[in-house]
């Protein structure tokens, strides 16, 4: 069942490659660096590397919560009509 869900998700990503690439290329590059550093910090906290066990749990949870907050704010501020106009190749025929 899990392989079916994964295949369906991959088919949707392949179908919507323009939107996925457009979203990924329009995001600020600094955001990638921030999220990557939070992922590394989360991993270090989860496995107790550079942090004690108790502090590692706190670091892991704070890092995860920050990543989720970044995603929530980005989705909250996302404006689909502006994005579709940005992706449109013929600006005359695109809806405003």
N, C-alpha and C. Protein backbone atom coordinates (compact mmCIF):
# COMPACT_ATOMS: atom_id res chain seq x y z
N UNK A 1 0.82 -1.20 0.00
CA UNK A 1 0.00 0.00 0.00
C UNK A 1 0.86 1.26 0.00
N UNK A 2 1.97 1.23 0.76
CA UNK A 2 2.84 2.40 0.83
C UNK A 2 3.50 2.68 -0.52
N UNK A 3 3.85 1.64 -1.25
CA UNK A 3 4.46 1.84 -2.56
C UNK A 3 3.46 2.48 -3.53
N UNK A 4 2.19 2.16 -3.38
CA UNK A 4 1.15 2.75 -4.23
C UNK A 4 1.04 4.25 -3.95
N UNK A 5 1.06 4.62 -2.68
CA UNK A 5 1.00 6.03 -2.31
C UNK A 5 2.22 6.77 -2.84
N UNK A 6 3.38 6.16 -2.74
CA UNK A 6 4.60 6.79 -3.24
C UNK A 6 4.56 6.97 -4.75
N UNK A 7 4.07 5.97 -5.47
CA UNK A 7 3.98 6.08 -6.93
C UNK A 7 2.98 7.15 -7.35
N UNK A 8 1.86 7.23 -6.67
CA UNK A 8 0.87 8.26 -6.99
C UNK A 8 1.46 9.65 -6.72
N UNK A 9 2.17 9.81 -5.61
CA UNK A 9 2.80 11.09 -5.30
C UNK A 9 3.83 11.46 -6.36
N UNK A 10 4.62 10.50 -6.81
CA UNK A 10 5.60 10.77 -7.86
C UNK A 10 4.93 11.12 -9.18
N UNK A 11 3.81 10.48 -9.49
CA UNK A 11 3.08 10.81 -10.72
C UNK A 11 2.55 12.24 -10.65
N UNK A 12 2.03 12.66 -9.48
CA UNK A 12 1.55 14.04 -9.34
C UNK A 12 2.69 15.04 -9.47
N UNK A 13 3.85 14.72 -8.91
CA UNK A 13 5.00 15.61 -9.04
C UNK A 13 5.47 15.69 -10.48
N UNK A 14 5.47 14.56 -11.19
CA UNK A 14 5.87 14.56 -12.60
C UNK A 14 4.87 15.36 -13.44
N UNK A 15 3.60 15.26 -13.10
CA UNK A 15 2.58 15.98 -13.85
C UNK A 15 2.68 17.49 -13.61
N UNK A 16 3.02 17.88 -12.41
CA UNK A 16 3.07 19.29 -12.05
C UNK A 16 4.50 19.81 -11.94
N UNK A 17 5.39 19.32 -12.77
CA UNK A 17 6.79 19.69 -12.67
C UNK A 17 7.00 21.18 -12.86
N UNK A 18 6.21 21.84 -13.70
CA UNK A 18 6.35 23.28 -13.90
C UNK A 18 6.10 24.05 -12.61
N UNK A 19 5.03 23.66 -11.92
CA UNK A 19 4.70 24.34 -10.67
C UNK A 19 5.75 24.08 -9.59
N UNK A 20 6.18 22.82 -9.48
CA UNK A 20 7.19 22.49 -8.47
C UNK A 20 8.48 23.25 -8.74
N UNK A 21 8.94 23.24 -10.00
CA UNK A 21 10.18 23.94 -10.34
C UNK A 21 10.02 25.44 -10.17
N UNK A 22 8.86 25.96 -10.52
CA UNK A 22 8.61 27.39 -10.35
C UNK A 22 8.64 27.82 -8.90
N UNK A 23 8.04 27.02 -8.05
CA UNK A 23 8.05 27.33 -6.62
C UNK A 23 9.46 27.23 -6.05
N UNK A 24 10.17 26.17 -6.41
CA UNK A 24 11.52 26.00 -5.87
C UNK A 24 12.48 27.08 -6.36
N UNK A 25 12.30 27.52 -7.61
CA UNK A 25 13.22 28.53 -8.13
C UNK A 25 12.85 29.94 -7.67
N UNK A 26 11.61 30.15 -7.23
CA UNK A 26 11.22 31.49 -6.79
C UNK A 26 11.51 31.75 -5.32
N UNK A 27 11.84 30.70 -4.58
CA UNK A 27 12.13 30.88 -3.15
C UNK A 27 13.52 31.49 -2.97
N UNK A 28 13.69 32.32 -1.96
CA UNK A 28 15.02 32.89 -1.71
C UNK A 28 16.03 31.79 -1.36
N UNK A 29 17.23 31.95 -1.88
CA UNK A 29 18.26 30.93 -1.65
C UNK A 29 18.68 30.87 -0.18
N UNK A 30 18.57 31.98 0.53
CA UNK A 30 18.92 31.99 1.95
C UNK A 30 17.99 31.08 2.74
N UNK A 31 16.75 30.93 2.28
CA UNK A 31 15.81 30.06 2.96
C UNK A 31 16.26 28.60 2.88
N UNK A 32 16.85 28.21 1.76
CA UNK A 32 17.39 26.85 1.64
C UNK A 32 18.51 26.63 2.65
N UNK A 33 19.37 27.62 2.82
CA UNK A 33 20.48 27.50 3.76
C UNK A 33 19.95 27.41 5.20
N UNK A 34 18.96 28.22 5.51
CA UNK A 34 18.38 28.21 6.87
C UNK A 34 17.74 26.86 7.16
N UNK A 35 16.94 26.35 6.23
CA UNK A 35 16.26 25.06 6.45
C UNK A 35 17.28 23.93 6.53
N UNK A 36 18.31 23.96 5.67
CA UNK A 36 19.33 22.91 5.72
C UNK A 36 20.08 22.93 7.05
N UNK A 37 20.38 24.11 7.55
CA UNK A 37 21.07 24.18 8.86
C UNK A 37 20.15 23.71 9.98
N UNK A 38 18.85 24.00 9.88
CA UNK A 38 17.92 23.50 10.89
C UNK A 38 17.78 21.98 10.82
N UNK A 39 17.83 21.42 9.62
CA UNK A 39 17.76 19.96 9.49
C UNK A 39 18.99 19.31 10.12
N UNK A 40 20.16 19.89 9.88
CA UNK A 40 21.38 19.35 10.48
C UNK A 40 21.33 19.48 12.00
N UNK A 41 20.86 20.62 12.50
CA UNK A 41 20.73 20.81 13.94
C UNK A 41 19.73 19.83 14.54
N UNK A 42 18.63 19.58 13.82
CA UNK A 42 17.63 18.62 14.29
C UNK A 42 18.25 17.23 14.38
N UNK A 43 19.04 16.85 13.37
CA UNK A 43 19.68 15.54 13.37
C UNK A 43 20.67 15.41 14.53
N UNK A 44 21.45 16.46 14.74
CA UNK A 44 22.42 16.43 15.84
C UNK A 44 21.71 16.32 17.19
N UNK A 45 20.62 17.05 17.35
CA UNK A 45 19.87 16.97 18.60
C UNK A 45 19.20 15.63 18.81
N UNK A 46 18.69 15.05 17.72
CA UNK A 46 18.00 13.76 17.83
C UNK A 46 18.95 12.65 18.25
N UNK A 47 20.18 12.70 17.77
CA UNK A 47 21.14 11.64 18.07
C UNK A 47 22.09 12.00 19.21
N UNK A 48 21.88 13.14 19.84
CA UNK A 48 22.69 13.51 20.99
C UNK A 48 24.12 13.87 20.64
N UNK A 49 24.36 14.28 19.42
CA UNK A 49 25.70 14.69 19.00
C UNK A 49 25.86 16.17 19.33
N UNK A 50 26.92 16.51 20.01
CA UNK A 50 27.25 17.88 20.45
C UNK A 50 26.31 18.40 21.53
N UNK A 51 25.26 17.68 21.85
CA UNK A 51 24.32 18.07 22.89
C UNK A 51 24.14 16.89 23.81
N UNK A 52 23.80 17.15 25.05
CA UNK A 52 23.44 16.07 25.96
C UNK A 52 22.08 15.51 25.56
N UNK A 53 21.69 14.42 26.20
CA UNK A 53 20.43 13.78 25.83
C UNK A 53 19.24 14.70 26.07
N UNK A 54 19.17 15.31 27.24
CA UNK A 54 18.03 16.17 27.56
C UNK A 54 18.00 17.43 26.70
N UNK A 55 19.15 18.07 26.54
CA UNK A 55 19.22 19.26 25.70
C UNK A 55 19.02 18.90 24.23
N UNK A 56 19.47 17.72 23.84
CA UNK A 56 19.29 17.27 22.46
C UNK A 56 17.84 17.13 22.07
N UNK A 57 17.01 16.64 23.00
CA UNK A 57 15.58 16.51 22.73
C UNK A 57 14.96 17.89 22.52
N UNK A 58 15.36 18.85 23.34
CA UNK A 58 14.83 20.22 23.21
C UNK A 58 15.27 20.84 21.89
N UNK A 59 16.55 20.67 21.54
CA UNK A 59 17.08 21.22 20.29
C UNK A 59 16.36 20.60 19.09
N UNK A 60 16.14 19.29 19.14
CA UNK A 60 15.44 18.61 18.05
C UNK A 60 14.04 19.16 17.87
N UNK A 61 13.29 19.28 18.94
CA UNK A 61 11.90 19.75 18.85
C UNK A 61 11.81 21.20 18.41
N UNK A 62 12.71 22.04 18.89
CA UNK A 62 12.70 23.44 18.49
C UNK A 62 13.06 23.57 17.01
N UNK A 63 14.02 22.79 16.55
CA UNK A 63 14.39 22.83 15.13
C UNK A 63 13.24 22.38 14.25
N UNK A 64 12.58 21.28 14.62
CA UNK A 64 11.43 20.80 13.84
C UNK A 64 10.31 21.83 13.83
N UNK A 65 10.01 22.41 14.98
CA UNK A 65 8.94 23.40 15.06
C UNK A 65 9.26 24.62 14.20
N UNK A 66 10.52 25.02 14.16
CA UNK A 66 10.92 26.16 13.34
C UNK A 66 10.75 25.85 11.85
N UNK A 67 11.12 24.64 11.44
CA UNK A 67 10.94 24.24 10.05
C UNK A 67 9.46 24.24 9.68
N UNK A 68 8.62 23.71 10.55
CA UNK A 68 7.18 23.70 10.29
C UNK A 68 6.63 25.12 10.24
N UNK A 69 7.12 25.99 11.09
CA UNK A 69 6.67 27.38 11.10
C UNK A 69 7.06 28.09 9.81
N UNK A 70 8.26 27.84 9.31
CA UNK A 70 8.70 28.43 8.04
C UNK A 70 7.78 27.96 6.91
N UNK A 71 7.48 26.66 6.88
CA UNK A 71 6.59 26.14 5.84
C UNK A 71 5.20 26.73 5.95
N UNK A 72 4.69 26.87 7.16
CA UNK A 72 3.36 27.44 7.36
C UNK A 72 3.29 28.89 6.89
N UNK A 73 4.29 29.68 7.26
CA UNK A 73 4.30 31.09 6.84
C UNK A 73 4.42 31.19 5.33
N UNK A 74 5.26 30.36 4.73
CA UNK A 74 5.41 30.41 3.27
C UNK A 74 4.10 30.04 2.58
N UNK A 75 3.43 29.01 3.04
CA UNK A 75 2.15 28.62 2.43
C UNK A 75 1.07 29.66 2.70
N UNK A 76 1.11 30.29 3.84
CA UNK A 76 0.12 31.30 4.20
C UNK A 76 0.23 32.52 3.29
N UNK A 77 1.45 32.89 2.95
CA UNK A 77 1.69 34.07 2.12
C UNK A 77 1.70 33.76 0.62
N UNK A 78 1.59 32.51 0.26
CA UNK A 78 1.63 32.10 -1.15
C UNK A 78 0.37 32.57 -1.87
N UNK A 79 0.54 33.21 -3.01
CA UNK A 79 -0.58 33.71 -3.79
C UNK A 79 -0.59 33.01 -5.14
N UNK A 80 -1.52 32.09 -5.33
CA UNK A 80 -1.57 31.28 -6.54
C UNK A 80 -1.80 32.09 -7.80
N UNK A 81 -2.71 33.07 -7.84
CA UNK A 81 -2.89 33.82 -9.10
C UNK A 81 -1.62 34.52 -9.58
N UNK A 82 -0.87 35.13 -8.66
CA UNK A 82 0.39 35.78 -9.04
C UNK A 82 1.40 34.76 -9.54
N UNK A 83 1.41 33.59 -8.90
CA UNK A 83 2.34 32.54 -9.31
C UNK A 83 1.98 32.00 -10.69
N UNK A 84 0.69 31.80 -10.97
CA UNK A 84 0.29 31.32 -12.29
C UNK A 84 0.62 32.34 -13.37
N UNK A 85 0.47 33.63 -13.06
CA UNK A 85 0.85 34.66 -14.02
C UNK A 85 2.36 34.64 -14.24
N UNK A 86 3.12 34.39 -13.20
CA UNK A 86 4.57 34.31 -13.30
C UNK A 86 4.99 33.15 -14.20
N UNK A 87 4.25 32.03 -14.15
CA UNK A 87 4.59 30.86 -14.96
C UNK A 87 4.09 30.95 -16.40
N UNK A 88 3.13 31.80 -16.66
CA UNK A 88 2.51 31.88 -17.97
C UNK A 88 3.53 32.37 -19.01
N UNK A 89 3.61 31.67 -20.13
CA UNK A 89 4.58 32.04 -21.16
C UNK A 89 4.07 33.18 -22.03
N UNK A 90 2.75 33.25 -22.26
CA UNK A 90 2.17 34.31 -23.07
C UNK A 90 1.41 35.26 -22.16
N UNK A 91 2.03 36.37 -21.79
CA UNK A 91 1.46 37.30 -20.80
C UNK A 91 0.18 37.97 -21.32
N UNK A 92 -0.03 38.01 -22.62
CA UNK A 92 -1.23 38.65 -23.16
C UNK A 92 -2.45 37.78 -22.91
N UNK A 93 -2.31 36.46 -23.06
CA UNK A 93 -3.44 35.56 -22.89
C UNK A 93 -3.66 35.12 -21.45
N UNK A 94 -2.73 35.44 -20.57
CA UNK A 94 -2.85 35.03 -19.17
C UNK A 94 -3.91 35.85 -18.46
N UNK A 95 -4.62 35.24 -17.53
CA UNK A 95 -5.58 36.02 -16.73
C UNK A 95 -4.82 36.93 -15.76
N UNK A 96 -5.41 38.05 -15.46
CA UNK A 96 -4.76 39.00 -14.53
C UNK A 96 -4.98 38.61 -13.12
